[in-house]
Amino acid sequence: MFSQDNLNKILRDVMGCLNRNVPGSNSDKNKSNKNSNGNKINITPAQALVIAGIIGGVLEVDSVLVDKDQVVQIVLAGSLKQKTELEKMFDDIGSMPFDEVLKAMLGRL
């Protein structure tokens, strides 16, 4: 799906947007890792992976839940498994009208 180099580049880009110095990035060494309010931005590796997964297209928002106490939960879904050619073909066939599929199958006999 993504090579390690691609994921590292995405992570460097995300961290660069957050004004963080990441080893191996082209950011200025004199840059501070503080936001405009002067507060440090603390991001965990798990948060960085979620951001990279969303930007890389591996994760997508499945639902947003808000309960009565106004607690927000965002459910993400994704798969690292790549589809096989057969699965891709079935996806294409699934979007076709039934009569076209049947005609195509009978035409091959």
Protein backbone atom coordinates (compact mmCIF):
# COMPACT_ATOMS: atom_id res chain seq x y z
CA MET A 1 0.00 0.00 0.00
CA PHE A 2 2.49 2.61 1.22
CA SER A 3 6.21 2.16 1.45
CA GLN A 4 8.08 3.13 4.59
CA ASP A 5 9.55 6.13 2.76
CA ASN A 6 6.06 7.37 1.84
CA LEU A 7 4.84 7.05 5.42
CA ASN A 8 7.92 8.83 6.72
CA LYS A 9 7.37 11.68 4.26
CA ILE A 10 3.72 11.99 5.28
CA LEU A 11 4.71 12.01 8.95
CA ARG A 12 7.37 14.68 8.32
CA ASP A 13 4.82 16.80 6.43
CA VAL A 14 2.24 16.48 9.21
CA MET A 15 4.77 17.26 11.92
CA GLY A 16 6.05 20.18 9.84
CA CYS A 17 2.52 21.59 9.70
CA LEU A 18 2.46 21.39 13.49
CA ASN A 19 5.76 23.31 13.68
CA ARG A 20 7.59 20.37 15.20
CA ASN A 21 11.19 19.49 14.51
CA VAL A 22 11.34 15.96 13.17
CA PRO A 23 14.65 14.18 12.65
CA GLY A 24 15.37 14.04 8.94
CA SER A 25 13.00 16.85 8.01
CA ASN A 26 14.03 20.01 6.20
CA SER A 27 12.66 22.26 8.95
CA ASP A 28 14.72 25.10 10.30
CA LYS A 29 16.63 24.07 13.43
CA ASN A 30 15.86 27.44 15.06
CA LYS A 31 12.10 26.94 14.81
CA SER A 32 10.33 26.67 18.08
CA ASN A 33 7.86 23.83 18.64
CA LYS A 34 5.28 26.19 20.11
CA ASN A 35 2.00 27.24 18.52
CA SER A 36 0.81 30.84 18.16
CA ASN A 37 -0.44 30.90 21.77
CA GLY A 38 3.00 29.97 23.09
CA ASN A 39 1.84 26.53 24.23
CA LYS A 40 3.79 23.43 23.26
CA ILE A 41 2.02 21.03 20.94
CA ASN A 42 2.30 17.55 22.38
CA ILE A 43 1.45 14.76 20.00
CA THR A 44 1.82 11.08 20.75
CA PRO A 45 3.03 8.51 18.23
CA ALA A 46 -0.49 7.04 18.14
CA GLN A 47 -1.96 10.44 17.26
CA ALA A 48 0.67 10.91 14.54
CA LEU A 49 -0.21 7.50 13.08
CA VAL A 50 -3.92 8.36 13.05
CA ILE A 51 -3.18 11.64 11.27
CA ALA A 52 -0.94 9.86 8.75
CA GLY A 53 -3.62 7.18 8.23
CA ILE A 54 -6.28 9.78 7.48
CA ILE A 55 -4.04 11.81 5.17
CA GLY A 56 -2.75 8.64 3.46
CA GLY A 57 -6.27 7.40 2.77
CA VAL A 58 -5.93 4.24 4.88
CA LEU A 59 -8.41 5.46 7.51
CA GLU A 60 -11.72 7.18 6.94
CA VAL A 61 -14.35 8.49 9.31
CA ASP A 62 -17.04 5.86 9.82
CA SER A 63 -19.21 7.83 12.24
CA VAL A 64 -19.26 10.74 14.63
CA LEU A 65 -21.08 10.12 17.90
CA VAL A 66 -22.20 12.81 20.34
CA ASP A 67 -23.83 11.67 23.57
CA LYS A 68 -26.07 13.57 25.97
CA ASP A 69 -23.05 14.83 27.92
CA GLN A 70 -21.65 16.26 24.67
CA VAL A 71 -18.79 13.78 24.59
CA VAL A 72 -17.66 13.37 20.99
CA GLN A 73 -16.41 10.03 19.65
CA ILE A 74 -15.07 9.71 16.13
CA VAL A 75 -15.02 6.16 14.80
CA LEU A 76 -12.38 5.50 12.14
CA ALA A 77 -12.34 2.48 9.86
CA GLY A 78 -9.78 1.17 7.44
CA SER A 79 -7.83 -1.84 6.32
CA LEU A 80 -4.19 -2.42 5.59
CA LYS A 81 -5.07 -5.44 3.46
CA GLN A 82 -4.80 -4.86 -0.25
CA LYS A 83 -7.61 -6.16 -2.42
CA THR A 84 -6.88 -9.07 -4.72
CA GLU A 85 -7.67 -8.94 -8.41
CA LEU A 86 -10.69 -11.19 -7.83
CA GLU A 87 -12.07 -8.86 -5.15
CA LYS A 88 -11.59 -5.86 -7.44
CA MET A 89 -13.38 -7.71 -10.24
CA PHE A 90 -16.32 -8.58 -7.96
CA ASP A 91 -16.53 -4.92 -6.88
CA ASP A 92 -16.75 -3.90 -10.55
CA ILE A 93 -19.33 -6.59 -11.30
CA GLY A 94 -21.36 -5.61 -8.23
CA SER A 95 -21.90 -2.12 -9.63
CA MET A 96 -23.13 -3.40 -13.02
CA PRO A 97 -26.78 -4.15 -13.82
CA PHE A 98 -27.67 -7.85 -13.58
CA ASP A 99 -28.67 -8.21 -17.23
CA GLU A 100 -25.28 -6.92 -18.41
CA VAL A 101 -23.47 -9.39 -16.15
CA LEU A 102 -25.63 -12.27 -17.37
CA LYS A 103 -25.13 -11.30 -21.04
CA ALA A 104 -21.37 -11.07 -20.52
CA MET A 105 -21.28 -14.49 -18.89
CA LEU A 106 -23.42 -16.08 -21.63
CA GLY A 107 -21.36 -14.39 -24.32
CA ARG A 108 -18.24 -16.23 -23.12
CA LEU A 109 -19.82 -19.68 -23.38
